C-alpha cells in the first residue's frame, strides 16, 4: 500500500481476514502521513444520509479522518448516491474505505464507485488447499520464520480452513518456537485442539456477561498452555460475529440471515442470543479493546495475561445489560 492512500478505496471480496487487513493497511498509510488521523468505523445498515458529508467535511483544525463503511452492501439508496457523488469529488482531508463482500447486493455502489475512480482491492476466498498452504507459508515468512510443506499441512489439518485461526496459529508458532524453521514436531507440540475450545469458551462467557466465569476460564486456559494469541483471536471472532449479526437487516430470519452473514444457522442462533444486552456503540468499543489486546499479546505489552484479563473486563463492561 502506498504511503498516501487513495481518497476512496473499495475492498471487495468475501475473505474477511484479508478484507480487515486491507482496511488496516489504508488506516496505517493515512496515519503514516498524519498520526492524529481519526478513524470512524461504520456499518452499512446503520449509516444515515448526510453522515458521509459530515464526517468528511474539512475541519477548522485541519484534522484528517478515515471513514470505513463495513457491510457496504447494506447502505441505503440515498447513501449510495451520496457515496458515488463523493467519490467523483473527494475531500482532501479524508480517506474513505468501502468494504463489500461481492455478489449482486449493492452492485450499484460497486459499479458507481469503480466508475468514479475508486481504488479497488480484491480479497477473494482461498478455496483450494494449495492456496491455504501458501497462506501459511506467507504468514510464517512475514514473521521472519519458515515452515516446510509437511509442517504446513499438519497445521492446516489441525486448525482447519478458517484464515483467522490459521493466522493466529502461525503467530503462536512464530512467537513460541526457537530457531528459524518450524517443523511438524513444533506444530504437534504447540498446537493442541483444546486451544480453540478454551479460547471460544472464554469468548462466549465474556460476550454473555459472565465475568467470574470468563476470568476463571481464561486463567485455566493460560495455565494449561493455551497461547494468548489464540484467545485474542477467539475474542475478536466473537465480537465480529456480534457486529455482523447485529448489523444485518431486521427482516432477515433463519437461513436467509445465515446466508447474509456467512455463518451456519446454529452459529447465528447462538450469536443472536448473545446479542441481548449489546448495542452498536458497545460492540465498537469491544472491538477497540480486542485490537489493543492483540497488539499487547504480540509484543506491545509486558504481561499478556493481564492484558487479556483487562480485555475481558472491558468487553463485559460495554454490555448495556438490556
C-alpha atoms as a PDB file:
ATOM      1  CA  UNK A   1       0.000   0.000   0.000  1.00  0.00           C
ATOM      2  CA  UNK A   2       1.365   3.432  -0.916  1.00  0.00           C
ATOM      3  CA  UNK A   3       2.225   5.860   1.887  1.00  0.00           C
ATOM      4  CA  UNK A   4      -0.514   8.221   0.755  1.00  0.00           C
ATOM      5  CA  UNK A   5      -3.717   6.158   0.366  1.00  0.00           C
ATOM      6  CA  UNK A   6      -6.290   6.712  -2.359  1.00  0.00           C
ATOM      7  CA  UNK A   7      -9.114   9.103  -1.433  1.00  0.00           C
ATOM      8  CA  UNK A   8     -11.627   6.251  -1.819  1.00  0.00           C
ATOM      9  CA  UNK A   9     -10.805   2.538  -1.674  1.00  0.00           C
ATOM     10  CA  UNK A  10     -13.234  -0.283  -2.407  1.00  0.00           C
ATOM     11  CA  UNK A  11     -12.284  -3.540  -0.668  1.00  0.00           C
ATOM     12  CA  UNK A  12     -14.329  -6.232  -2.371  1.00  0.00           C
ATOM     13  CA  UNK A  13     -14.471  -9.939  -1.652  1.00  0.00           C
ATOM     14  CA  UNK A  14     -15.679 -12.463   0.893  1.00  0.00           C
ATOM     15  CA  UNK A  15     -12.438 -13.305   2.720  1.00  0.00           C
ATOM     16  CA  UNK A  16     -12.986 -11.482   5.998  1.00  0.00           C
ATOM     17  CA  UNK A  17      -9.439 -11.603   7.336  1.00  0.00           C
ATOM     18  CA  UNK A  18      -7.917 -10.252   4.129  1.00  0.00           C
ATOM     19  CA  UNK A  19     -10.589  -7.556   3.943  1.00  0.00           C
ATOM     20  CA  UNK A  20      -9.816  -6.456   7.503  1.00  0.00           C
ATOM     21  CA  UNK A  21      -6.114  -6.379   6.696  1.00  0.00           C
ATOM     22  CA  UNK A  22      -6.737  -4.266   3.599  1.00  0.00           C
ATOM     23  CA  UNK A  23      -8.666  -1.773   5.733  1.00  0.00           C
ATOM     24  CA  UNK A  24      -5.880  -1.749   8.321  1.00  0.00           C
ATOM     25  CA  UNK A  25      -3.317  -1.026   5.609  1.00  0.00           C
ATOM     26  CA  UNK A  26      -5.288   2.022   4.439  1.00  0.00           C
ATOM     27  CA  UNK A  27      -5.583   3.294   8.019  1.00  0.00           C
ATOM     28  CA  UNK A  28      -1.869   2.706   8.630  1.00  0.00           C
ATOM     29  CA  UNK A  29      -0.986   4.569   5.432  1.00  0.00           C
ATOM     30  CA  UNK A  30      -3.164   7.522   6.436  1.00  0.00           C
ATOM     31  CA  UNK A  31      -1.629   7.621   9.910  1.00  0.00           C
ATOM     32  CA  UNK A  32       1.857   7.428   8.438  1.00  0.00           C
ATOM     33  CA  UNK A  33       1.135  10.820   6.877  1.00  0.00           C
ATOM     34  CA  UNK A  34      -0.754  12.146   9.910  1.00  0.00           C
ATOM     35  CA  UNK A  35      -0.501  10.238  13.214  1.00  0.00           C
ATOM     36  CA  UNK A  36      -3.502  12.173  14.578  1.00  0.00           C
ATOM     37  CA  UNK A  37      -5.843  10.793  11.908  1.00  0.00           C
ATOM     38  CA  UNK A  38      -9.254   9.892  13.344  1.00  0.00           C
ATOM     39  CA  UNK A  39     -10.986   6.674  12.304  1.00  0.00           C
ATOM     40  CA  UNK A  40     -14.772   6.377  12.017  1.00  0.00           C
ATOM     41  CA  UNK A  41     -15.893   2.731  11.728  1.00  0.00           C
ATOM     42  CA  UNK A  42     -19.488   2.411  10.480  1.00  0.00           C
ATOM     43  CA  UNK A  43     -21.805  -0.431   9.466  1.00  0.00           C
ATOM     44  CA  UNK A  44     -23.793  -0.103   6.253  1.00  0.00           C
ATOM     45  CA  UNK A  45     -27.315  -0.631   7.594  1.00  0.00           C
ATOM     46  CA  UNK A  46     -26.768   1.997  10.325  1.00  0.00           C
ATOM     47  CA  UNK A  47     -25.499   4.831   8.091  1.00  0.00           C
ATOM     48  CA  UNK A  48     -27.866   7.767   7.655  1.00  0.00           C
ATOM     49  CA  UNK A  49     -27.950  10.125   4.640  1.00  0.00           C
ATOM     50  CA  UNK A  50     -25.623  13.055   5.202  1.00  0.00           C
ATOM     51  CA  UNK A  51     -23.324  11.170   7.568  1.00  0.00           C
ATOM     52  CA  UNK A  52     -20.574  10.818   4.960  1.00  0.00           C
ATOM     53  CA  UNK A  53     -20.694  14.539   4.244  1.00  0.00           C
ATOM     54  CA  UNK A  54     -20.499  15.356   7.942  1.00  0.00           C
ATOM     55  CA  UNK A  55     -17.549  13.057   8.608  1.00  0.00           C
ATOM     56  CA  UNK A  56     -15.523  14.153   5.580  1.00  0.00           C
ATOM     57  CA  UNK A  57     -16.132  17.901   5.828  1.00  0.00           C
ATOM     58  CA  UNK A  58     -12.949  19.956   6.319  1.00  0.00           C
ATOM     59  CA  UNK A  59     -12.103  20.584   9.966  1.00  0.00           C
ATOM     60  CA  UNK A  60     -11.236  24.009  11.323  1.00  0.00           C
ATOM     61  CA  UNK A  61      -8.234  22.358  12.946  1.00  0.00           C
ATOM     62  CA  UNK A  62      -7.087  20.560   9.802  1.00  0.00           C
ATOM     63  CA  UNK A  63      -7.776  17.115  11.256  1.00  0.00           C
ATOM     64  CA  UNK A  64      -7.646  14.186   8.832  1.00  0.00           C
ATOM     65  CA  UNK A  65     -10.084  11.287   9.044  1.00  0.00           C
ATOM     66  CA  UNK A  66     -10.598   7.799   7.706  1.00  0.00           C
ATOM     67  CA  UNK A  67     -14.223   6.732   7.258  1.00  0.00           C
ATOM     68  CA  UNK A  68     -14.743   2.973   6.966  1.00  0.00           C
ATOM     69  CA  UNK A  69     -18.078   1.610   5.745  1.00  0.00           C
ATOM     70  CA  UNK A  70     -18.291  -2.095   6.590  1.00  0.00           C
ATOM     71  CA  UNK A  71     -21.089  -4.222   5.089  1.00  0.00           C
ATOM     72  CA  UNK A  72     -21.341  -1.580   2.384  1.00  0.00           C
ATOM     73  CA  UNK A  73     -23.846  -3.761   0.514  1.00  0.00           C
ATOM     74  CA  UNK A  74     -26.414  -2.691   3.154  1.00  0.00           C
ATOM     75  CA  UNK A  75     -26.114   1.046   2.503  1.00  0.00           C
ATOM     76  CA  UNK A  76     -29.438   2.692   1.626  1.00  0.00           C
ATOM     77  CA  UNK A  77     -30.092   4.095  -1.846  1.00  0.00           C
ATOM     78  CA  UNK A  78     -29.702   7.702  -0.741  1.00  0.00           C
ATOM     79  CA  UNK A  79     -26.401   6.914   0.960  1.00  0.00           C
ATOM     80  CA  UNK A  80     -25.155   5.009  -2.105  1.00  0.00           C
ATOM     81  CA  UNK A  81     -25.887   8.048  -4.266  1.00  0.00           C
ATOM     82  CA  UNK A  82     -24.042  10.238  -1.745  1.00  0.00           C
ATOM     83  CA  UNK A  83     -21.018   7.905  -1.730  1.00  0.00           C
ATOM     84  CA  UNK A  84     -20.820   7.727  -5.524  1.00  0.00           C
ATOM     85  CA  UNK A  85     -21.084  11.518  -5.825  1.00  0.00           C
ATOM     86  CA  UNK A  86     -18.405  11.920  -3.145  1.00  0.00           C
ATOM     87  CA  UNK A  87     -16.051   9.519  -4.945  1.00  0.00           C
ATOM     88  CA  UNK A  88     -16.187  11.753  -8.016  1.00  0.00           C
ATOM     89  CA  UNK A  89     -15.014  14.730  -5.949  1.00  0.00           C
ATOM     90  CA  UNK A  90     -13.475  13.519  -2.681  1.00  0.00           C
ATOM     91  CA  UNK A  91     -12.284  15.672   0.202  1.00  0.00           C
ATOM     92  CA  UNK A  92      -8.559  16.298   0.618  1.00  0.00           C
ATOM     93  CA  UNK A  93      -8.936  15.886   4.393  1.00  0.00           C
ATOM     94  CA  UNK A  94     -10.476  12.411   4.416  1.00  0.00           C
ATOM     95  CA  UNK A  95      -9.965   8.854   3.232  1.00  0.00           C
ATOM     96  CA  UNK A  96     -12.984   6.618   2.635  1.00  0.00           C
ATOM     97  CA  UNK A  97     -12.925   2.813   2.649  1.00  0.00           C
ATOM     98  CA  UNK A  98     -15.869   0.729   1.463  1.00  0.00           C
ATOM     99  CA  UNK A  99     -15.939  -2.959   2.430  1.00  0.00           C
ATOM    100  CA  UNK A 100     -18.201  -5.070   0.194  1.00  0.00           C
ATOM    101  CA  UNK A 101     -18.402  -8.891   0.177  1.00  0.00           C
ATOM    102  CA  UNK A 102     -19.099  -9.135  -3.554  1.00  0.00           C
ATOM    103  CA  UNK A 103     -22.261 -10.558  -5.077  1.00  0.00           C
ATOM    104  CA  UNK A 104     -25.252  -8.808  -6.549  1.00  0.00           C
ATOM    105  CA  UNK A 105     -26.465  -6.967  -3.466  1.00  0.00           C
ATOM    106  CA  UNK A 106     -25.132  -3.438  -3.510  1.00  0.00           C
ATOM    107  CA  UNK A 107     -23.908  -3.784  -7.100  1.00  0.00           C
ATOM    108  CA  UNK A 108     -24.954  -0.202  -7.862  1.00  0.00           C
ATOM    109  CA  UNK A 109     -22.485   1.008  -5.242  1.00  0.00           C
ATOM    110  CA  UNK A 110     -19.663  -1.159  -6.583  1.00  0.00           C
ATOM    111  CA  UNK A 111     -20.240  -0.139 -10.186  1.00  0.00           C
ATOM    112  CA  UNK A 112     -20.709   3.513  -9.256  1.00  0.00           C
ATOM    113  CA  UNK A 113     -17.536   3.968  -7.208  1.00  0.00           C
ATOM    114  CA  UNK A 114     -15.451   1.964  -9.671  1.00  0.00           C
ATOM    115  CA  UNK A 115     -16.602   4.219 -12.491  1.00  0.00           C
ATOM    116  CA  UNK A 116     -15.979   7.287 -10.319  1.00  0.00           C
ATOM    117  CA  UNK A 117     -12.333   6.277  -9.836  1.00  0.00           C
ATOM    118  CA  UNK A 118     -12.119   4.440  -6.516  1.00  0.00           C
ATOM    119  CA  UNK A 119      -9.085   2.253  -5.923  1.00  0.00           C
ATOM    120  CA  UNK A 120     -10.075  -1.431  -5.815  1.00  0.00           C
ATOM    121  CA  UNK A 121      -8.606  -4.159  -3.587  1.00  0.00           C
ATOM    122  CA  UNK A 122      -9.923  -7.685  -4.256  1.00  0.00           C
ATOM    123  CA  UNK A 123      -9.882 -10.245  -1.428  1.00  0.00           C
ATOM    124  CA  UNK A 124     -11.361 -13.492  -2.693  1.00  0.00           C
ATOM    125  CA  UNK A 125     -11.729 -16.590  -0.522  1.00  0.00           C
ATOM    126  CA  UNK A 126      -8.925 -19.105  -0.626  1.00  0.00           C
ATOM    127  CA  UNK A 127     -10.864 -22.177  -1.730  1.00  0.00           C
ATOM    128  CA  UNK A 128      -8.045 -24.526  -2.697  1.00  0.00           C
ATOM    129  CA  UNK A 129      -5.812 -26.399  -0.290  1.00  0.00           C
ATOM    130  CA  UNK A 130      -2.722 -25.162  -2.105  1.00  0.00           C
ATOM    131  CA  UNK A 131      -3.816 -21.557  -1.606  1.00  0.00           C
ATOM    132  CA  UNK A 132      -4.243 -22.082   2.129  1.00  0.00           C
ATOM    133  CA  UNK A 133      -0.851 -23.795   2.378  1.00  0.00           C
ATOM    134  CA  UNK A 134       0.689 -20.842   0.551  1.00  0.00           C
ATOM    135  CA  UNK A 135      -1.089 -18.527   3.015  1.00  0.00           C
ATOM    136  CA  UNK A 136       0.517 -20.377   5.948  1.00  0.00           C
ATOM    137  CA  UNK A 137       3.944 -20.068   4.379  1.00  0.00           C
ATOM    138  CA  UNK A 138       3.441 -16.336   3.739  1.00  0.00           C
ATOM    139  CA  UNK A 139       2.360 -15.793   7.343  1.00  0.00           C
ATOM    140  CA  UNK A 140       5.471 -17.512   8.603  1.00  0.00           C
ATOM    141  CA  UNK A 141       7.729 -15.563   6.231  1.00  0.00           C
ATOM    142  CA  UNK A 142       6.125 -12.313   7.389  1.00  0.00           C
ATOM    143  CA  UNK A 143       7.050 -13.328  10.945  1.00  0.00           C
ATOM    144  CA  UNK A 144      10.646 -13.998   9.901  1.00  0.00           C
ATOM    145  CA  UNK A 145      10.264 -17.769  10.012  1.00  0.00           C
ATOM    146  CA  UNK A 146       9.952 -20.633   7.537  1.00  0.00           C
ATOM    147  CA  UNK A 147       7.796 -23.736   7.520  1.00  0.00           C
ATOM    148  CA  UNK A 148       8.094 -26.865   5.414  1.00  0.00           C
ATOM    149  CA  UNK A 149       5.274 -28.286   3.314  1.00  0.00           C
ATOM    150  CA  UNK A 150       4.693 -31.228   5.678  1.00  0.00           C
ATOM    151  CA  UNK A 151       4.529 -28.954   8.725  1.00  0.00           C
ATOM    152  CA  UNK A 152       2.214 -26.542   6.909  1.00  0.00           C
ATOM    153  CA  UNK A 153      -0.078 -29.450   6.021  1.00  0.00           C
ATOM    154  CA  UNK A 154      -0.041 -30.644   9.633  1.00  0.00           C
ATOM    155  CA  UNK A 155      -1.001 -27.171  10.800  1.00  0.00           C
ATOM    156  CA  UNK A 156      -3.811 -26.945   8.256  1.00  0.00           C
ATOM    157  CA  UNK A 157      -5.102 -30.361   9.335  1.00  0.00           C
ATOM    158  CA  UNK A 158      -5.022 -29.342  12.995  1.00  0.00           C
ATOM    159  CA  UNK A 159      -6.552 -25.876  12.689  1.00  0.00           C
ATOM    160  CA  UNK A 160      -8.927 -26.131   9.737  1.00  0.00           C
ATOM    161  CA  UNK A 161      -9.632 -23.760   6.881  1.00  0.00           C
ATOM    162  CA  UNK A 162     -10.502 -20.547   8.729  1.00  0.00           C
ATOM    163  CA  UNK A 163      -7.834 -17.966   7.862  1.00  0.00           C
ATOM    164  CA  UNK A 164      -8.114 -16.154  11.180  1.00  0.00           C
ATOM    165  CA  UNK A 165      -7.427 -19.338  13.099  1.00  0.00           C
ATOM    166  CA  UNK A 166      -4.580 -20.202  10.742  1.00  0.00           C
ATOM    167  CA  UNK A 167      -3.065 -16.740  11.153  1.00  0.00           C
ATOM    168  CA  UNK A 168      -3.369 -16.970  14.944  1.00  0.00           C
ATOM    169  CA  UNK A 169      -1.759 -20.417  14.981  1.00  0.00           C
ATOM    170  CA  UNK A 170       1.100 -19.167  12.781  1.00  0.00           C
ATOM    171  CA  UNK A 171       1.573 -16.272  15.184  1.00  0.00           C
ATOM    172  CA  UNK A 172       1.710 -18.676  18.108  1.00  0.00           C
ATOM    173  CA  UNK A 173       4.292 -20.881  16.427  1.00  0.00           C
ATOM    174  CA  UNK A 174       6.427 -17.953  15.308  1.00  0.00           C
ATOM    175  CA  UNK A 175       6.412 -16.459  18.803  1.00  0.00           C
ATOM    176  CA  UNK A 176       6.912 -19.627  20.825  1.00  0.00           C
ATOM    177  CA  UNK A 177       9.213 -21.888  18.828  1.00  0.00           C
ATOM    178  CA  UNK A 178      13.012 -21.447  18.727  1.00  0.00           C
ATOM    179  CA  UNK A 179      15.094 -21.471  15.567  1.00  0.00           C
ATOM    180  CA  UNK A 180      14.351 -20.329  12.056  1.00  0.00           C
ATOM    181  CA  UNK A 181      12.290 -23.228  10.708  1.00  0.00           C
ATOM    182  CA  UNK A 182       9.046 -24.577  12.146  1.00  0.00           C
ATOM    183  CA  UNK A 183       8.700 -28.338  11.709  1.00  0.00           C
ATOM    184  CA  UNK A 184       5.981 -30.937  12.270  1.00  0.00           C
ATOM    185  CA  UNK A 185       7.194 -31.616  15.804  1.00  0.00           C
ATOM    186  CA  UNK A 186       6.718 -27.957  16.702  1.00  0.00           C
ATOM    187  CA  UNK A 187       3.199 -27.986  15.240  1.00  0.00           C
ATOM    188  CA  UNK A 188       2.310 -31.051  17.316  1.00  0.00           C
ATOM    189  CA  UNK A 189       3.906 -29.614  20.439  1.00  0.00           C
ATOM    190  CA  UNK A 190       2.445 -26.120  20.393  1.00  0.00           C
ATOM    191  CA  UNK A 191      -0.914 -26.550  18.721  1.00  0.00           C
ATOM    192  CA  UNK A 192      -3.360 -28.662  20.659  1.00  0.00           C
ATOM    193  CA  UNK A 193      -7.023 -28.990  19.788  1.00  0.00           C
ATOM    194  CA  UNK A 194      -8.135 -27.730  23.189  1.00  0.00           C
ATOM    195  CA  UNK A 195      -6.756 -24.269  22.365  1.00  0.00           C
ATOM    196  CA  UNK A 196      -9.697 -23.496  20.084  1.00  0.00           C
ATOM    197  CA  UNK A 197     -12.238 -24.786  22.582  1.00  0.00           C
ATOM    198  CA  UNK A 198     -10.800 -22.890  25.537  1.00  0.00           C
ATOM    199  CA  UNK A 199     -10.473 -19.664  23.583  1.00  0.00           C
ATOM    200  CA  UNK A 200     -14.062 -19.811  22.416  1.00  0.00           C
ATOM    201  CA  UNK A 201     -15.290 -20.761  25.892  1.00  0.00           C
ATOM    202  CA  UNK A 202     -13.660 -17.597  27.266  1.00  0.00           C
ATOM    203  CA  UNK A 203     -15.173 -15.535  24.433  1.00  0.00           C
ATOM    204  CA  UNK A 204     -18.689 -16.940  24.936  1.00  0.00           C
ATOM    205  CA  UNK A 205     -18.615 -16.218  28.667  1.00  0.00           C
ATOM    206  CA  UNK A 206     -17.328 -12.680  28.084  1.00  0.00           C
ATOM    207  CA  UNK A 207     -19.880 -11.840  25.394  1.00  0.00           C
ATOM    208  CA  UNK A 208     -22.684 -13.148  27.600  1.00  0.00           C
ATOM    209  CA  UNK A 209     -21.576 -11.018  30.536  1.00  0.00           C
ATOM    210  CA  UNK A 210     -20.415 -13.757  32.890  1.00  0.00           C
ATOM    211  CA  UNK A 211     -17.351 -12.052  34.368  1.00  0.00           C
ATOM    212  CA  UNK A 212     -16.345 -14.522  37.084  1.00  0.00           C
ATOM    213  CA  UNK A 213     -16.734 -17.496  34.759  1.00  0.00           C
ATOM    214  CA  UNK A 214     -14.861 -15.795  31.913  1.00  0.00           C
ATOM    215  CA  UNK A 215     -11.911 -14.895  34.152  1.00  0.00           C
ATOM    216  CA  UNK A 216     -11.789 -18.390  35.644  1.00  0.00           C
ATOM    217  CA  UNK A 217     -11.786 -19.976  32.177  1.00  0.00           C
ATOM    218  CA  UNK A 218      -9.149 -17.512  30.984  1.00  0.00           C
ATOM    219  CA  UNK A 219      -6.800 -18.294  33.856  1.00  0.00           C
ATOM    220  CA  UNK A 220      -7.292 -22.029  33.419  1.00  0.00           C
ATOM    221  CA  UNK A 221      -6.646 -21.799  29.678  1.00  0.00           C
ATOM    222  CA  UNK A 222      -3.427 -19.858  30.199  1.00  0.00           C
ATOM    223  CA  UNK A 223      -2.266 -22.237  32.935  1.00  0.00           C
ATOM    224  CA  UNK A 224      -2.720 -25.240  30.620  1.00  0.00           C
ATOM    225  CA  UNK A 225      -0.650 -23.728  27.836  1.00  0.00           C
ATOM    226  CA  UNK A 226      -3.185 -22.074  25.552  1.00  0.00           C
ATOM    227  CA  UNK A 227      -1.419 -19.317  23.622  1.00  0.00           C
ATOM    228  CA  UNK A 228      -2.690 -15.784  24.376  1.00  0.00           C
ATOM    229  CA  UNK A 229      -2.836 -15.050  20.641  1.00  0.00           C
ATOM    230  CA  UNK A 230      -5.429 -17.809  20.175  1.00  0.00           C
ATOM    231  CA  UNK A 231      -7.576 -16.432  22.985  1.00  0.00           C
ATOM    232  CA  UNK A 232      -7.438 -12.958  21.439  1.00  0.00           C
ATOM    233  CA  UNK A 233      -8.415 -14.498  18.104  1.00  0.00           C
ATOM    234  CA  UNK A 234     -11.453 -16.147  19.694  1.00  0.00           C
ATOM    235  CA  UNK A 235     -12.485 -12.897  21.416  1.00  0.00           C
ATOM    236  CA  UNK A 236     -12.089 -10.993  18.146  1.00  0.00           C
ATOM    237  CA  UNK A 237     -14.127 -13.568  16.257  1.00  0.00           C
ATOM    238  CA  UNK A 238     -16.903 -13.395  18.832  1.00  0.00           C
ATOM    239  CA  UNK A 239     -17.133  -9.611  18.724  1.00  0.00           C
ATOM    240  CA  UNK A 240     -17.070  -9.597  14.911  1.00  0.00           C
ATOM    241  CA  UNK A 241     -19.903 -12.121  14.858  1.00  0.00           C
ATOM    242  CA  UNK A 242     -21.950  -9.837  17.102  1.00  0.00           C
ATOM    243  CA  UNK A 243     -21.290  -6.954  14.720  1.00  0.00           C
ATOM    244  CA  UNK A 244     -22.225  -8.941  11.622  1.00  0.00           C
ATOM    245  CA  UNK A 245     -25.488 -10.340  13.007  1.00  0.00           C
ATOM    246  CA  UNK A 246     -26.356  -7.101  14.787  1.00  0.00           C
ATOM    247  CA  UNK A 247     -25.957  -5.004  11.639  1.00  0.00           C
ATOM    248  CA  UNK A 248     -27.952  -7.364   9.386  1.00  0.00           C
ATOM    249  CA  UNK A 249     -31.304  -6.111   8.032  1.00  0.00           C
ATOM    250  CA  UNK A 250     -34.013  -6.691  10.616  1.00  0.00           C
ATOM    251  CA  UNK A 251     -36.309  -8.566   8.244  1.00  0.00           C
ATOM    252  CA  UNK A 252     -33.893 -11.445   7.687  1.00  0.00           C
ATOM    253  CA  UNK A 253     -34.523 -14.670   9.565  1.00  0.00           C
ATOM    254  CA  UNK A 254     -33.349 -18.258   9.577  1.00  0.00           C
ATOM    255  CA  UNK A 255     -31.499 -19.439   6.516  1.00  0.00           C
ATOM    256  CA  UNK A 256     -31.649 -16.039   4.800  1.00  0.00           C
ATOM    257  CA  UNK A 257     -29.929 -14.407   7.770  1.00  0.00           C
ATOM    258  CA  UNK A 258     -27.333 -17.189   7.936  1.00  0.00           C
ATOM    259  CA  UNK A 259     -26.581 -16.759   4.229  1.00  0.00           C
ATOM    260  CA  UNK A 260     -26.373 -12.991   4.556  1.00  0.00           C
ATOM    261  CA  UNK A 261     -23.816 -13.038   7.384  1.00  0.00           C
ATOM    262  CA  UNK A 262     -21.929 -16.112   6.120  1.00  0.00           C
ATOM    263  CA  UNK A 263     -22.447 -18.288   9.190  1.00  0.00           C
ATOM    264  CA  UNK A 264     -24.083 -21.662   9.744  1.00  0.00           C
ATOM    265  CA  UNK A 265     -27.624 -21.396  11.198  1.00  0.00           C
ATOM    266  CA  UNK A 266     -26.607 -22.868  14.569  1.00  0.00           C
ATOM    267  CA  UNK A 267     -23.972 -20.174  14.997  1.00  0.00           C
ATOM    268  CA  UNK A 268     -26.399 -17.419  14.010  1.00  0.00           C
ATOM    269  CA  UNK A 269     -28.816 -18.685  16.678  1.00  0.00           C
ATOM    270  CA  UNK A 270     -26.089 -18.588  19.328  1.00  0.00           C
ATOM    271  CA  UNK A 271     -24.840 -15.134  18.312  1.00  0.00           C
ATOM    272  CA  UNK A 272     -28.423 -13.819  18.226  1.00  0.00           C
ATOM    273  CA  UNK A 273     -28.853 -14.904  21.838  1.00  0.00           C
ATOM    274  CA  UNK A 274     -25.539 -13.302  22.759  1.00  0.00           C
ATOM    275  CA  UNK A 275     -26.668 -10.004  21.207  1.00  0.00           C
ATOM    276  CA  UNK A 276     -29.096  -9.482  24.074  1.00  0.00           C
ATOM    277  CA  UNK A 277     -27.507  -6.720  26.095  1.00  0.00           C
ATOM    278  CA  UNK A 278     -25.371  -5.328  23.278  1.00  0.00           C
ATOM    279  CA  UNK A 279     -25.700  -2.092  21.324  1.00  0.00           C
ATOM    280  CA  UNK A 280     -23.675  -0.780  18.347  1.00  0.00           C
ATOM    281  CA  UNK A 281     -21.523   1.547  20.470  1.00  0.00           C
ATOM    282  CA  UNK A 282     -20.704  -1.195  22.959  1.00  0.00           C
ATOM    283  CA  UNK A 283     -19.697  -3.550  20.148  1.00  0.00           C
ATOM    284  CA  UNK A 284     -17.464  -0.874  18.632  1.00  0.00           C
ATOM    285  CA  UNK A 285     -15.737  -0.302  21.978  1.00  0.00           C
ATOM    286  CA  UNK A 286     -15.319  -4.049  22.471  1.00  0.00           C
ATOM    287  CA  UNK A 287     -13.658  -4.223  19.038  1.00  0.00           C
ATOM    288  CA  UNK A 288     -11.240  -1.496  20.072  1.00  0.00           C
ATOM    289  CA  UNK A 289     -10.425  -3.326  23.314  1.00  0.00           C
ATOM    290  CA  UNK A 290      -9.670  -6.543  21.431  1.00  0.00           C
ATOM    291  CA  UNK A 291      -7.469  -4.665  18.945  1.00  0.00           C
ATOM    292  CA  UNK A 292      -5.419  -3.251  21.825  1.00  0.00           C
ATOM    293  CA  UNK A 293      -5.118  -6.715  23.386  1.00  0.00           C
ATOM    294  CA  UNK A 294      -3.978  -8.181  20.074  1.00  0.00           C
ATOM    295  CA  UNK A 295      -1.123  -5.673  19.942  1.00  0.00           C
ATOM    296  CA  UNK A 296      -0.164  -6.291  23.558  1.00  0.00           C
ATOM    297  CA  UNK A 297      -0.019 -10.095  23.368  1.00  0.00           C
ATOM    298  CA  UNK A 298       2.104  -9.860  20.230  1.00  0.00           C
ATOM    299  CA  UNK A 299       4.835  -7.904  21.950  1.00  0.00           C
ATOM    300  CA  UNK A 300       3.336  -4.487  22.578  1.00  0.00           C
ATOM    301  CA  UNK A 301       2.826  -5.191  26.289  1.00  0.00           C
ATOM    302  CA  UNK A 302       4.792  -6.842  29.057  1.00  0.00           C
ATOM    303  CA  UNK A 303       2.055  -9.021  30.577  1.00  0.00           C
ATOM    304  CA  UNK A 304      -0.255 -10.855  28.122  1.00  0.00           C
ATOM    305  CA  UNK A 305      -2.268 -12.418  30.967  1.00  0.00           C
ATOM    306  CA  UNK A 306      -3.051  -9.018  32.456  1.00  0.00           C
ATOM    307  CA  UNK A 307      -3.896  -7.647  29.001  1.00  0.00           C
ATOM    308  CA  UNK A 308      -6.360 -10.484  28.418  1.00  0.00           C
ATOM    309  CA  UNK A 309      -7.996 -10.110  31.833  1.00  0.00           C
ATOM    310  CA  UNK A 310      -8.371  -6.377  31.232  1.00  0.00           C
ATOM    311  CA  UNK A 311      -9.879  -7.021  27.808  1.00  0.00           C
ATOM    312  CA  UNK A 312     -12.438  -9.481  29.192  1.00  0.00           C
ATOM    313  CA  UNK A 313     -13.418  -6.899  31.817  1.00  0.00           C
ATOM    314  CA  UNK A 314     -13.767  -4.160  29.173  1.00  0.00           C
ATOM    315  CA  UNK A 315     -15.863  -6.370  26.905  1.00  0.00           C
ATOM    316  CA  UNK A 316     -18.282  -7.174  29.715  1.00  0.00           C
ATOM    317  CA  UNK A 317     -18.368  -3.534  30.885  1.00  0.00           C
ATOM    318  CA  UNK A 318     -19.531  -2.476  27.424  1.00  0.00           C
ATOM    319  CA  UNK A 319     -22.635  -4.664  27.508  1.00  0.00           C
ATOM    320  CA  UNK A 320     -25.622  -2.439  28.203  1.00  0.00           C
ATOM    321  CA  UNK A 321     -27.431  -5.203  30.073  1.00  0.00           C
ATOM    322  CA  UNK A 322     -30.601  -4.693  28.087  1.00  0.00           C
END
